[in-house]
C-alpha cells in the first residue's frame, strides 16, 4: 500500500471566491497531550504523505516549531508555499486596538511566512484562560459577547486583508444569533467558520446557515476528540466511534469507526481537521476521503444519529454572573448578555 497520497486525488471544497481547498486538513492543537516537537513532526510527515491544509493557532504554543517544518519543506523543494493552505487564529487576549496585527506579526514570524491563507478570530470574546488550566478556572476579567467589541476586532482583521497579510479571514466558535448580529456589519465577509462538528454533534441549523451564505465550515473535533483536555470531559459525553450507526458503517466497509467519522464529514461538505501524531493514522485519515465513500443510506443513518452532544463546552471562558457553559452558546436563540 502506498505511503503517500497524491494531493490531486483529495476532493476539494469551494470558498465563496471560487478558490478550492482540500476537503481535509491536519489540526495542530495538541498542547495538552503532545509536545510541540511531536506536533511539528506530524506536520512534517503530513506534508510528505500529501496533506496540503494545516490549521494552526498562536495559543497552541507550537507555531515556532511548525514554522521550522514549513521552512525546511519550502527550501528543500518538498512543497511550494502556494501549494499549502495555512490557517491560524488570534487568541482572546489580543482583542485590544492594534493587537490583532501584533498577534499576526508574531504568528508570521513563528511560522516563517510572509502571509497566511486565512486568519481567524479564535473565540468571539476576549476571555483568556491560562494554558493547561482546569475546568473550574475563571478569569475575573472575562466578559460576555459584545457586538461593538467583536467588530473592533473584525475591523482589524479586515485591514490585515487590505495589507495582503492574510488572503482570507474567518471566525470560530460562533452561534447563529452572533452571526446575525455581525455579518451585516462586516466589510469583508468571513470566508470560513470553524466549529465543533462530529456525528454526535452535527449542529445542522448552524451548518446550514453558513452553507446558505457560502461560508465554508471547518469542523474541529471530527472524531469526537478522545484526546481533548481533561477539563473538557464530562459525564454523559458521547463517544462518536461507539455510535451504532457509525459502528455499523465501519463494519460494512472494514475500517475503523474513526475513519467513518471523517468520511461522513468530508462527504457532508465540512472540512475536518483531525490531529494525529502517528503516521499510520494521519495517512489513513487522508486516504479514507479518497476511496470507498459511505453510501447514501449510511450518510442518512448517521445524520439521524445526532446526539446534540457538545464536547468543548468552553466553561473556562465564563464571565461573572453567567449561569453555566450554556450561556456561551445562545441556546434560546438570543445572545446571552452579562
C-alpha atoms as a PDB file:
ATOM      1  CA  UNK A   1       0.000   0.000   0.000  1.00  0.00           C
ATOM      2  CA  UNK A   2       1.357   3.415  -0.989  1.00  0.00           C
ATOM      3  CA  UNK A   3       2.640   5.538   1.883  1.00  0.00           C
ATOM      4  CA  UNK A   4       1.723   8.795   0.139  1.00  0.00           C
ATOM      5  CA  UNK A   5      -1.459  10.212  -1.379  1.00  0.00           C
ATOM      6  CA  UNK A   6      -1.390  12.369  -4.473  1.00  0.00           C
ATOM      7  CA  UNK A   7      -2.883  15.702  -3.315  1.00  0.00           C
ATOM      8  CA  UNK A   8      -4.736  15.883  -6.629  1.00  0.00           C
ATOM      9  CA  UNK A   9      -6.790  12.870  -5.538  1.00  0.00           C
ATOM     10  CA  UNK A  10      -8.064  14.611  -2.393  1.00  0.00           C
ATOM     11  CA  UNK A  11     -11.540  16.087  -3.032  1.00  0.00           C
ATOM     12  CA  UNK A  12     -11.863  19.863  -2.820  1.00  0.00           C
ATOM     13  CA  UNK A  13     -14.269  22.295  -1.171  1.00  0.00           C
ATOM     14  CA  UNK A  14     -15.057  25.716  -2.602  1.00  0.00           C
ATOM     15  CA  UNK A  15     -14.764  29.088  -0.916  1.00  0.00           C
ATOM     16  CA  UNK A  16     -17.109  31.925  -1.886  1.00  0.00           C
ATOM     17  CA  UNK A  17     -14.292  33.345  -4.022  1.00  0.00           C
ATOM     18  CA  UNK A  18     -14.318  30.213  -6.170  1.00  0.00           C
ATOM     19  CA  UNK A  19     -10.967  29.007  -4.867  1.00  0.00           C
ATOM     20  CA  UNK A  20     -10.900  25.388  -3.768  1.00  0.00           C
ATOM     21  CA  UNK A  21      -9.100  23.855  -0.796  1.00  0.00           C
ATOM     22  CA  UNK A  22      -8.640  20.232   0.338  1.00  0.00           C
ATOM     23  CA  UNK A  23     -11.625  18.575   2.000  1.00  0.00           C
ATOM     24  CA  UNK A  24      -9.467  17.517   4.968  1.00  0.00           C
ATOM     25  CA  UNK A  25      -6.571  19.088   6.834  1.00  0.00           C
ATOM     26  CA  UNK A  26      -4.277  18.438   9.761  1.00  0.00           C
ATOM     27  CA  UNK A  27      -5.139  20.129  13.034  1.00  0.00           C
ATOM     28  CA  UNK A  28      -2.288  21.145  15.344  1.00  0.00           C
ATOM     29  CA  UNK A  29      -3.975  21.532  18.741  1.00  0.00           C
ATOM     30  CA  UNK A  30      -2.113  19.085  20.904  1.00  0.00           C
ATOM     31  CA  UNK A  31      -0.747  21.238  23.709  1.00  0.00           C
ATOM     32  CA  UNK A  32      -2.486  19.233  26.447  1.00  0.00           C
ATOM     33  CA  UNK A  33      -1.353  15.842  25.124  1.00  0.00           C
ATOM     34  CA  UNK A  34       1.568  16.258  22.747  1.00  0.00           C
ATOM     35  CA  UNK A  35       4.746  18.315  22.789  1.00  0.00           C
ATOM     36  CA  UNK A  36       5.450  20.969  20.140  1.00  0.00           C
ATOM     37  CA  UNK A  37       8.126  18.646  18.778  1.00  0.00           C
ATOM     38  CA  UNK A  38       5.603  15.825  18.334  1.00  0.00           C
ATOM     39  CA  UNK A  39       3.055  18.054  16.621  1.00  0.00           C
ATOM     40  CA  UNK A  40       5.626  19.649  14.292  1.00  0.00           C
ATOM     41  CA  UNK A  41       6.954  16.206  13.391  1.00  0.00           C
ATOM     42  CA  UNK A  42       3.402  15.242  12.452  1.00  0.00           C
ATOM     43  CA  UNK A  43       3.160  18.343  10.244  1.00  0.00           C
ATOM     44  CA  UNK A  44       6.406  17.342   8.521  1.00  0.00           C
ATOM     45  CA  UNK A  45       5.160  13.828   7.933  1.00  0.00           C
ATOM     46  CA  UNK A  46       1.768  15.056   6.809  1.00  0.00           C
ATOM     47  CA  UNK A  47       3.310  17.288   4.148  1.00  0.00           C
ATOM     48  CA  UNK A  48       5.293  14.316   2.906  1.00  0.00           C
ATOM     49  CA  UNK A  49       2.284  11.995   2.663  1.00  0.00           C
ATOM     50  CA  UNK A  50       0.107  14.543   0.850  1.00  0.00           C
ATOM     51  CA  UNK A  51      -1.635  16.945   3.230  1.00  0.00           C
ATOM     52  CA  UNK A  52      -1.908  20.484   1.930  1.00  0.00           C
ATOM     53  CA  UNK A  53      -4.168  22.135   4.538  1.00  0.00           C
ATOM     54  CA  UNK A  54      -2.926  22.971   8.047  1.00  0.00           C
ATOM     55  CA  UNK A  55      -4.850  24.567  10.899  1.00  0.00           C
ATOM     56  CA  UNK A  56      -2.720  26.420  13.444  1.00  0.00           C
ATOM     57  CA  UNK A  57      -3.246  28.921  16.284  1.00  0.00           C
ATOM     58  CA  UNK A  58      -0.996  31.053  18.420  1.00  0.00           C
ATOM     59  CA  UNK A  59      -2.434  29.673  21.658  1.00  0.00           C
ATOM     60  CA  UNK A  60      -1.394  26.137  20.740  1.00  0.00           C
ATOM     61  CA  UNK A  61       2.176  27.087  21.645  1.00  0.00           C
ATOM     62  CA  UNK A  62       3.819  25.259  18.749  1.00  0.00           C
ATOM     63  CA  UNK A  63       3.843  27.664  15.794  1.00  0.00           C
ATOM     64  CA  UNK A  64       7.586  28.330  16.018  1.00  0.00           C
ATOM     65  CA  UNK A  65       8.261  24.582  15.747  1.00  0.00           C
ATOM     66  CA  UNK A  66       5.817  24.201  12.860  1.00  0.00           C
ATOM     67  CA  UNK A  67       7.464  27.177  11.155  1.00  0.00           C
ATOM     68  CA  UNK A  68      10.760  25.325  11.088  1.00  0.00           C
ATOM     69  CA  UNK A  69       8.993  22.461   9.320  1.00  0.00           C
ATOM     70  CA  UNK A  70       7.407  24.760   6.731  1.00  0.00           C
ATOM     71  CA  UNK A  71      10.731  26.498   6.119  1.00  0.00           C
ATOM     72  CA  UNK A  72      12.572  23.227   5.551  1.00  0.00           C
ATOM     73  CA  UNK A  73       9.822  21.902   3.289  1.00  0.00           C
ATOM     74  CA  UNK A  74       9.929  25.016   1.097  1.00  0.00           C
ATOM     75  CA  UNK A  75      13.718  25.194   0.935  1.00  0.00           C
ATOM     76  CA  UNK A  76      14.081  21.502   0.137  1.00  0.00           C
ATOM     77  CA  UNK A  77      11.520  21.702  -2.626  1.00  0.00           C
ATOM     78  CA  UNK A  78       9.249  19.164  -0.934  1.00  0.00           C
ATOM     79  CA  UNK A  79       6.340  21.547  -1.454  1.00  0.00           C
ATOM     80  CA  UNK A  80       5.862  25.101  -2.709  1.00  0.00           C
ATOM     81  CA  UNK A  81       4.360  27.750  -0.439  1.00  0.00           C
ATOM     82  CA  UNK A  82       1.459  28.302  -2.809  1.00  0.00           C
ATOM     83  CA  UNK A  83       0.589  24.607  -2.636  1.00  0.00           C
ATOM     84  CA  UNK A  84      -0.273  24.857   1.072  1.00  0.00           C
ATOM     85  CA  UNK A  85      -3.326  26.452   2.659  1.00  0.00           C
ATOM     86  CA  UNK A  86      -2.293  27.597   6.140  1.00  0.00           C
ATOM     87  CA  UNK A  87      -4.714  28.945   8.736  1.00  0.00           C
ATOM     88  CA  UNK A  88      -4.029  30.493  12.135  1.00  0.00           C
ATOM     89  CA  UNK A  89      -6.027  32.360  14.787  1.00  0.00           C
ATOM     90  CA  UNK A  90      -5.765  35.402  17.023  1.00  0.00           C
ATOM     91  CA  UNK A  91      -6.148  34.490  20.685  1.00  0.00           C
ATOM     92  CA  UNK A  92      -8.594  36.107  23.070  1.00  0.00           C
ATOM     93  CA  UNK A  93      -6.022  38.170  24.978  1.00  0.00           C
ATOM     94  CA  UNK A  94      -5.141  40.153  21.816  1.00  0.00           C
ATOM     95  CA  UNK A  95      -8.508  41.849  21.308  1.00  0.00           C
ATOM     96  CA  UNK A  96      -7.286  45.389  22.030  1.00  0.00           C
ATOM     97  CA  UNK A  97      -6.761  48.093  19.433  1.00  0.00           C
ATOM     98  CA  UNK A  98      -3.765  47.241  17.272  1.00  0.00           C
ATOM     99  CA  UNK A  99      -3.206  43.914  18.996  1.00  0.00           C
ATOM    100  CA  UNK A 100      -4.522  41.787  16.156  1.00  0.00           C
ATOM    101  CA  UNK A 101      -1.755  42.979  13.876  1.00  0.00           C
ATOM    102  CA  UNK A 102       0.803  42.348  16.626  1.00  0.00           C
ATOM    103  CA  UNK A 103      -0.548  38.833  17.088  1.00  0.00           C
ATOM    104  CA  UNK A 104      -0.432  38.177  13.366  1.00  0.00           C
ATOM    105  CA  UNK A 105       3.120  39.535  13.136  1.00  0.00           C
ATOM    106  CA  UNK A 106       4.271  37.028  15.751  1.00  0.00           C
ATOM    107  CA  UNK A 107       2.437  34.191  14.039  1.00  0.00           C
ATOM    108  CA  UNK A 108       4.000  35.057  10.681  1.00  0.00           C
ATOM    109  CA  UNK A 109       7.428  35.240  12.281  1.00  0.00           C
ATOM    110  CA  UNK A 110       6.929  31.940  14.099  1.00  0.00           C
ATOM    111  CA  UNK A 111       5.522  30.159  11.048  1.00  0.00           C
ATOM    112  CA  UNK A 112       8.221  31.764   8.846  1.00  0.00           C
ATOM    113  CA  UNK A 113       5.641  33.015   6.364  1.00  0.00           C
ATOM    114  CA  UNK A 114       5.035  36.260   4.509  1.00  0.00           C
ATOM    115  CA  UNK A 115       1.277  35.788   4.586  1.00  0.00           C
ATOM    116  CA  UNK A 116      -1.432  33.459   5.853  1.00  0.00           C
ATOM    117  CA  UNK A 117      -4.058  31.908   3.658  1.00  0.00           C
ATOM    118  CA  UNK A 118      -6.620  32.537   6.371  1.00  0.00           C
ATOM    119  CA  UNK A 119      -6.676  34.132   9.810  1.00  0.00           C
ATOM    120  CA  UNK A 120      -9.488  33.625  12.300  1.00  0.00           C
ATOM    121  CA  UNK A 121     -10.890  35.195  15.437  1.00  0.00           C
ATOM    122  CA  UNK A 122     -10.475  32.197  17.748  1.00  0.00           C
ATOM    123  CA  UNK A 123     -13.340  32.964  20.159  1.00  0.00           C
ATOM    124  CA  UNK A 124     -15.966  35.717  19.944  1.00  0.00           C
ATOM    125  CA  UNK A 125     -14.997  37.328  23.257  1.00  0.00           C
ATOM    126  CA  UNK A 126     -11.765  38.474  24.945  1.00  0.00           C
ATOM    127  CA  UNK A 127     -11.872  35.876  27.701  1.00  0.00           C
ATOM    128  CA  UNK A 128      -8.460  34.459  28.474  1.00  0.00           C
ATOM    129  CA  UNK A 129      -7.531  31.371  30.428  1.00  0.00           C
ATOM    130  CA  UNK A 130      -4.090  30.189  31.388  1.00  0.00           C
ATOM    131  CA  UNK A 131      -2.712  27.301  29.295  1.00  0.00           C
ATOM    132  CA  UNK A 132      -3.376  23.947  30.908  1.00  0.00           C
ATOM    133  CA  UNK A 133      -5.903  25.307  33.415  1.00  0.00           C
ATOM    134  CA  UNK A 134      -8.560  23.027  34.874  1.00  0.00           C
ATOM    135  CA  UNK A 135     -12.258  23.233  34.114  1.00  0.00           C
ATOM    136  CA  UNK A 136     -13.062  25.273  37.209  1.00  0.00           C
ATOM    137  CA  UNK A 137     -10.680  28.098  36.300  1.00  0.00           C
ATOM    138  CA  UNK A 138     -12.279  31.522  35.813  1.00  0.00           C
ATOM    139  CA  UNK A 139     -10.759  34.845  34.809  1.00  0.00           C
ATOM    140  CA  UNK A 140     -12.379  37.743  36.722  1.00  0.00           C
ATOM    141  CA  UNK A 141     -11.876  39.978  33.677  1.00  0.00           C
ATOM    142  CA  UNK A 142     -13.970  37.768  31.398  1.00  0.00           C
ATOM    143  CA  UNK A 143     -16.816  39.489  29.553  1.00  0.00           C
ATOM    144  CA  UNK A 144     -19.908  38.386  27.618  1.00  0.00           C
ATOM    145  CA  UNK A 145     -20.148  38.853  23.874  1.00  0.00           C
ATOM    146  CA  UNK A 146     -20.344  42.440  22.640  1.00  0.00           C
ATOM    147  CA  UNK A 147     -21.088  43.360  19.036  1.00  0.00           C
ATOM    148  CA  UNK A 148     -19.093  46.583  19.355  1.00  0.00           C
ATOM    149  CA  UNK A 149     -16.064  44.814  20.851  1.00  0.00           C
ATOM    150  CA  UNK A 150     -16.171  41.999  18.298  1.00  0.00           C
ATOM    151  CA  UNK A 151     -16.477  44.394  15.374  1.00  0.00           C
ATOM    152  CA  UNK A 152     -13.472  46.307  16.689  1.00  0.00           C
ATOM    153  CA  UNK A 153     -11.510  43.092  16.279  1.00  0.00           C
ATOM    154  CA  UNK A 154     -13.072  42.271  12.922  1.00  0.00           C
ATOM    155  CA  UNK A 155     -12.168  45.667  11.503  1.00  0.00           C
ATOM    156  CA  UNK A 156      -8.555  44.940  12.431  1.00  0.00           C
ATOM    157  CA  UNK A 157      -8.903  41.605  10.624  1.00  0.00           C
ATOM    158  CA  UNK A 158     -10.199  43.381   7.531  1.00  0.00           C
ATOM    159  CA  UNK A 159      -7.167  45.678   7.495  1.00  0.00           C
ATOM    160  CA  UNK A 160      -4.951  42.595   7.521  1.00  0.00           C
ATOM    161  CA  UNK A 161      -6.567  41.513   4.245  1.00  0.00           C
ATOM    162  CA  UNK A 162      -6.138  45.027   2.859  1.00  0.00           C
ATOM    163  CA  UNK A 163      -2.424  44.807   3.593  1.00  0.00           C
ATOM    164  CA  UNK A 164      -2.040  41.413   1.953  1.00  0.00           C
ATOM    165  CA  UNK A 165      -1.043  39.675   5.193  1.00  0.00           C
ATOM    166  CA  UNK A 166      -3.923  37.202   5.015  1.00  0.00           C
ATOM    167  CA  UNK A 167      -5.801  36.149   1.912  1.00  0.00           C
ATOM    168  CA  UNK A 168      -8.990  35.334   3.827  1.00  0.00           C
ATOM    169  CA  UNK A 169     -10.362  35.938   7.300  1.00  0.00           C
ATOM    170  CA  UNK A 170     -12.734  33.835   9.335  1.00  0.00           C
ATOM    171  CA  UNK A 171     -14.468  33.289  12.631  1.00  0.00           C
ATOM    172  CA  UNK A 172     -14.642  30.421  15.089  1.00  0.00           C
ATOM    173  CA  UNK A 173     -16.954  29.197  17.849  1.00  0.00           C
ATOM    174  CA  UNK A 174     -19.825  31.392  16.697  1.00  0.00           C
ATOM    175  CA  UNK A 175     -23.588  30.930  17.013  1.00  0.00           C
ATOM    176  CA  UNK A 176     -26.439  31.912  14.706  1.00  0.00           C
ATOM    177  CA  UNK A 177     -27.514  34.849  16.945  1.00  0.00           C
ATOM    178  CA  UNK A 178     -23.953  36.195  16.987  1.00  0.00           C
ATOM    179  CA  UNK A 179     -23.613  35.799  13.220  1.00  0.00           C
ATOM    180  CA  UNK A 180     -26.924  37.567  12.657  1.00  0.00           C
ATOM    181  CA  UNK A 181     -25.641  40.444  14.768  1.00  0.00           C
ATOM    182  CA  UNK A 182     -22.309  40.938  12.968  1.00  0.00           C
ATOM    183  CA  UNK A 183     -22.408  39.708   9.363  1.00  0.00           C
ATOM    184  CA  UNK A 184     -24.281  42.746   8.070  1.00  0.00           C
ATOM    185  CA  UNK A 185     -21.622  44.968   9.677  1.00  0.00           C
ATOM    186  CA  UNK A 186     -18.670  43.220   8.027  1.00  0.00           C
ATOM    187  CA  UNK A 187     -16.995  44.965   5.088  1.00  0.00           C
ATOM    188  CA  UNK A 188     -15.238  41.667   4.312  1.00  0.00           C
ATOM    189  CA  UNK A 189     -17.326  38.578   4.942  1.00  0.00           C
ATOM    190  CA  UNK A 190     -15.795  35.568   6.701  1.00  0.00           C
ATOM    191  CA  UNK A 191     -14.629  33.005   4.174  1.00  0.00           C
ATOM    192  CA  UNK A 192     -14.908  30.208   6.701  1.00  0.00           C
ATOM    193  CA  UNK A 193     -16.121  29.477  10.191  1.00  0.00           C
ATOM    194  CA  UNK A 194     -14.562  26.856  12.442  1.00  0.00           C
ATOM    195  CA  UNK A 195     -16.871  24.979  14.789  1.00  0.00           C
ATOM    196  CA  UNK A 196     -17.139  21.730  16.704  1.00  0.00           C
ATOM    197  CA  UNK A 197     -18.562  19.166  14.315  1.00  0.00           C
ATOM    198  CA  UNK A 198     -18.792  15.366  14.573  1.00  0.00           C
ATOM    199  CA  UNK A 199     -21.508  12.711  14.262  1.00  0.00           C
ATOM    200  CA  UNK A 200     -22.637  13.181  17.871  1.00  0.00           C
ATOM    201  CA  UNK A 201     -22.762  16.983  17.457  1.00  0.00           C
ATOM    202  CA  UNK A 202     -23.755  17.941  13.930  1.00  0.00           C
ATOM    203  CA  UNK A 203     -25.114  21.479  14.514  1.00  0.00           C
ATOM    204  CA  UNK A 204     -27.416  21.206  11.472  1.00  0.00           C
ATOM    205  CA  UNK A 205     -29.006  24.658  11.808  1.00  0.00           C
ATOM    206  CA  UNK A 206     -25.689  26.492  12.185  1.00  0.00           C
ATOM    207  CA  UNK A 207     -24.123  24.396   9.453  1.00  0.00           C
ATOM    208  CA  UNK A 208     -26.913  25.202   7.004  1.00  0.00           C
ATOM    209  CA  UNK A 209     -26.850  28.887   7.994  1.00  0.00           C
ATOM    210  CA  UNK A 210     -23.202  29.018   6.923  1.00  0.00           C
ATOM    211  CA  UNK A 211     -23.732  26.995   3.751  1.00  0.00           C
ATOM    212  CA  UNK A 212     -26.565  29.288   2.685  1.00  0.00           C
ATOM    213  CA  UNK A 213     -24.182  32.247   2.964  1.00  0.00           C
ATOM    214  CA  UNK A 214     -21.325  30.492   1.155  1.00  0.00           C
ATOM    215  CA  UNK A 215     -19.234  30.368   4.319  1.00  0.00           C
ATOM    216  CA  UNK A 216     -17.158  27.185   4.380  1.00  0.00           C
ATOM    217  CA  UNK A 217     -17.402  25.180   7.599  1.00  0.00           C
ATOM    218  CA  UNK A 218     -14.196  23.854   9.150  1.00  0.00           C
ATOM    219  CA  UNK A 219     -15.019  21.113  11.649  1.00  0.00           C
ATOM    220  CA  UNK A 220     -12.856  20.577  14.711  1.00  0.00           C
ATOM    221  CA  UNK A 221     -13.108  17.514  16.971  1.00  0.00           C
ATOM    222  CA  UNK A 222     -14.197  15.470  13.919  1.00  0.00           C
ATOM    223  CA  UNK A 223     -13.546  12.186  15.732  1.00  0.00           C
ATOM    224  CA  UNK A 224     -15.162  13.325  18.968  1.00  0.00           C
ATOM    225  CA  UNK A 225     -11.726  14.359  20.241  1.00  0.00           C
ATOM    226  CA  UNK A 226     -10.941  11.414  22.545  1.00  0.00           C
ATOM    227  CA  UNK A 227      -7.657  13.165  23.453  1.00  0.00           C
ATOM    228  CA  UNK A 228      -9.274  16.503  24.320  1.00  0.00           C
ATOM    229  CA  UNK A 229      -8.126  18.187  27.556  1.00  0.00           C
ATOM    230  CA  UNK A 230      -9.461  16.603  30.725  1.00  0.00           C
ATOM    231  CA  UNK A 231     -11.227  19.880  31.596  1.00  0.00           C
ATOM    232  CA  UNK A 232     -13.420  19.306  28.553  1.00  0.00           C
ATOM    233  CA  UNK A 233     -14.550  15.830  29.587  1.00  0.00           C
ATOM    234  CA  UNK A 234     -17.868  15.437  31.372  1.00  0.00           C
ATOM    235  CA  UNK A 235     -20.194  12.617  32.453  1.00  0.00           C
ATOM    236  CA  UNK A 236     -22.603  11.726  29.683  1.00  0.00           C
ATOM    237  CA  UNK A 237     -20.296  12.680  26.812  1.00  0.00           C
ATOM    238  CA  UNK A 238     -20.998  10.519  23.781  1.00  0.00           C
ATOM    239  CA  UNK A 239     -18.150   8.532  22.200  1.00  0.00           C
ATOM    240  CA  UNK A 240     -18.600   9.029  18.468  1.00  0.00           C
ATOM    241  CA  UNK A 241     -16.839   5.837  17.438  1.00  0.00           C
ATOM    242  CA  UNK A 242     -19.313   3.844  19.566  1.00  0.00           C
ATOM    243  CA  UNK A 243     -22.462   5.281  17.965  1.00  0.00           C
ATOM    244  CA  UNK A 244     -24.250   2.233  16.481  1.00  0.00           C
ATOM    245  CA  UNK A 245     -24.732   3.826  13.064  1.00  0.00           C
ATOM    246  CA  UNK A 246     -21.041   4.724  12.877  1.00  0.00           C
ATOM    247  CA  UNK A 247     -20.005   1.269  14.062  1.00  0.00           C
ATOM    248  CA  UNK A 248     -22.305  -0.383  11.505  1.00  0.00           C
ATOM    249  CA  UNK A 249     -20.774   1.604   8.641  1.00  0.00           C
ATOM    250  CA  UNK A 250     -17.293   0.768   9.894  1.00  0.00           C
ATOM    251  CA  UNK A 251     -18.109  -2.937   9.875  1.00  0.00           C
ATOM    252  CA  UNK A 252     -19.605  -2.723   6.392  1.00  0.00           C
ATOM    253  CA  UNK A 253     -16.502  -1.011   4.995  1.00  0.00           C
ATOM    254  CA  UNK A 254     -13.969  -2.953   7.060  1.00  0.00           C
ATOM    255  CA  UNK A 255     -12.429   0.178   8.583  1.00  0.00           C
ATOM    256  CA  UNK A 256     -12.003   1.798  11.979  1.00  0.00           C
ATOM    257  CA  UNK A 257     -15.054   3.832  13.122  1.00  0.00           C
ATOM    258  CA  UNK A 258     -12.852   6.946  13.291  1.00  0.00           C
ATOM    259  CA  UNK A 259     -12.486   6.785   9.520  1.00  0.00           C
ATOM    260  CA  UNK A 260     -16.250   6.647   9.159  1.00  0.00           C
ATOM    261  CA  UNK A 261     -16.445   9.924  11.099  1.00  0.00           C
ATOM    262  CA  UNK A 262     -14.029  11.514   8.623  1.00  0.00           C
ATOM    263  CA  UNK A 263     -15.777  10.111   5.560  1.00  0.00           C
ATOM    264  CA  UNK A 264     -19.082  11.417   6.893  1.00  0.00           C
ATOM    265  CA  UNK A 265     -17.611  14.879   7.489  1.00  0.00           C
ATOM    266  CA  UNK A 266     -15.959  15.147   4.092  1.00  0.00           C
ATOM    267  CA  UNK A 267     -18.993  13.847   2.205  1.00  0.00           C
ATOM    268  CA  UNK A 268     -21.345  16.136   4.115  1.00  0.00           C
ATOM    269  CA  UNK A 269     -19.308  19.130   2.988  1.00  0.00           C
ATOM    270  CA  UNK A 270     -17.417  20.420   6.034  1.00  0.00           C
ATOM    271  CA  UNK A 271     -13.620  20.265   6.225  1.00  0.00           C
ATOM    272  CA  UNK A 272     -12.474  18.087   9.151  1.00  0.00           C
ATOM    273  CA  UNK A 273      -9.100  18.853  10.742  1.00  0.00           C
ATOM    274  CA  UNK A 274      -8.105  15.821  12.827  1.00  0.00           C
ATOM    275  CA  UNK A 275      -4.746  15.669  14.588  1.00  0.00           C
ATOM    276  CA  UNK A 276      -2.715  12.527  14.829  1.00  0.00           C
ATOM    277  CA  UNK A 277       0.981  12.361  15.617  1.00  0.00           C
ATOM    278  CA  UNK A 278       1.250   8.807  14.254  1.00  0.00           C
ATOM    279  CA  UNK A 279       1.974   8.487  10.536  1.00  0.00           C
ATOM    280  CA  UNK A 280      -0.122   5.384  10.017  1.00  0.00           C
ATOM    281  CA  UNK A 281      -3.129   7.243  11.423  1.00  0.00           C
ATOM    282  CA  UNK A 282      -2.811  10.558   9.614  1.00  0.00           C
ATOM    283  CA  UNK A 283      -2.041   8.705   6.397  1.00  0.00           C
ATOM    284  CA  UNK A 284      -5.176   6.586   6.877  1.00  0.00           C
ATOM    285  CA  UNK A 285      -7.172   9.748   7.631  1.00  0.00           C
ATOM    286  CA  UNK A 286      -6.102  11.307   4.346  1.00  0.00           C
ATOM    287  CA  UNK A 287      -6.560   8.155   2.312  1.00  0.00           C
ATOM    288  CA  UNK A 288     -10.068   7.489   3.591  1.00  0.00           C
ATOM    289  CA  UNK A 289     -11.547  10.569   1.897  1.00  0.00           C
ATOM    290  CA  UNK A 290     -10.191   9.453  -1.483  1.00  0.00           C
ATOM    291  CA  UNK A 291     -11.790   5.998  -1.652  1.00  0.00           C
ATOM    292  CA  UNK A 292     -14.793   3.821  -0.785  1.00  0.00           C
ATOM    293  CA  UNK A 293     -17.340   6.530   0.130  1.00  0.00           C
ATOM    294  CA  UNK A 294     -20.189   5.939   2.527  1.00  0.00           C
ATOM    295  CA  UNK A 295     -23.491   5.066   0.894  1.00  0.00           C
ATOM    296  CA  UNK A 296     -26.423   7.468   0.853  1.00  0.00           C
ATOM    297  CA  UNK A 297     -28.166   5.189   3.326  1.00  0.00           C
ATOM    298  CA  UNK A 298     -25.190   5.276   5.690  1.00  0.00           C
ATOM    299  CA  UNK A 299     -24.975   9.058   5.451  1.00  0.00           C
ATOM    300  CA  UNK A 300     -28.682   9.354   6.205  1.00  0.00           C
ATOM    301  CA  UNK A 301     -28.432   6.970   9.158  1.00  0.00           C
ATOM    302  CA  UNK A 302     -25.558   8.931  10.704  1.00  0.00           C
ATOM    303  CA  UNK A 303     -27.440  12.201  10.148  1.00  0.00           C
ATOM    304  CA  UNK A 304     -30.289  10.805  12.239  1.00  0.00           C
ATOM    305  CA  UNK A 305     -27.845   9.682  14.948  1.00  0.00           C
ATOM    306  CA  UNK A 306     -27.020  13.258  16.048  1.00  0.00           C
ATOM    307  CA  UNK A 307     -26.958  13.389  19.876  1.00  0.00           C
ATOM    308  CA  UNK A 308     -26.538  17.190  20.225  1.00  0.00           C
ATOM    309  CA  UNK A 309     -23.581  16.411  22.487  1.00  0.00           C
ATOM    310  CA  UNK A 310     -21.219  19.374  22.660  1.00  0.00           C
ATOM    311  CA  UNK A 311     -17.808  18.267  23.952  1.00  0.00           C
ATOM    312  CA  UNK A 312     -15.912  21.583  24.022  1.00  0.00           C
ATOM    313  CA  UNK A 313     -18.247  23.482  26.313  1.00  0.00           C
ATOM    314  CA  UNK A 314     -15.908  26.424  26.943  1.00  0.00           C
ATOM    315  CA  UNK A 315     -16.744  26.847  30.618  1.00  0.00           C
ATOM    316  CA  UNK A 316     -13.312  28.377  31.320  1.00  0.00           C
ATOM    317  CA  UNK A 317     -14.462  31.442  29.346  1.00  0.00           C
ATOM    318  CA  UNK A 318     -17.474  32.233  31.529  1.00  0.00           C
ATOM    319  CA  UNK A 319     -17.876  35.697  32.983  1.00  0.00           C
ATOM    320  CA  UNK A 320     -19.032  36.662  36.451  1.00  0.00           C
ATOM    321  CA  UNK A 321     -22.765  36.193  36.694  1.00  0.00           C
ATOM    322  CA  UNK A 322     -23.008  33.597  33.935  1.00  0.00           C
ATOM    323  CA  UNK A 323     -25.198  30.655  34.889  1.00  0.00           C
ATOM    324  CA  UNK A 324     -23.233  27.962  33.092  1.00  0.00           C
ATOM    325  CA  UNK A 325     -21.461  26.982  29.897  1.00  0.00           C
ATOM    326  CA  UNK A 326     -24.780  27.111  28.041  1.00  0.00           C
ATOM    327  CA  UNK A 327     -24.618  30.919  28.260  1.00  0.00           C
ATOM    328  CA  UNK A 328     -21.725  30.869  25.792  1.00  0.00           C
ATOM    329  CA  UNK A 329     -23.829  29.259  23.079  1.00  0.00           C
ATOM    330  CA  UNK A 330     -27.087  31.283  22.978  1.00  0.00           C
ATOM    331  CA  UNK A 331     -29.253  28.187  23.229  1.00  0.00           C
ATOM    332  CA  UNK A 332     -32.518  30.134  23.386  1.00  0.00           C
ATOM    333  CA  UNK A 333     -31.793  31.900  20.116  1.00  0.00           C
ATOM    334  CA  UNK A 334     -30.688  35.162  21.672  1.00  0.00           C
ATOM    335  CA  UNK A 335     -27.234  36.462  22.567  1.00  0.00           C
ATOM    336  CA  UNK A 336     -26.728  35.849  26.273  1.00  0.00           C
ATOM    337  CA  UNK A 337     -25.792  39.101  27.976  1.00  0.00           C
ATOM    338  CA  UNK A 338     -23.887  39.501  31.224  1.00  0.00           C
END
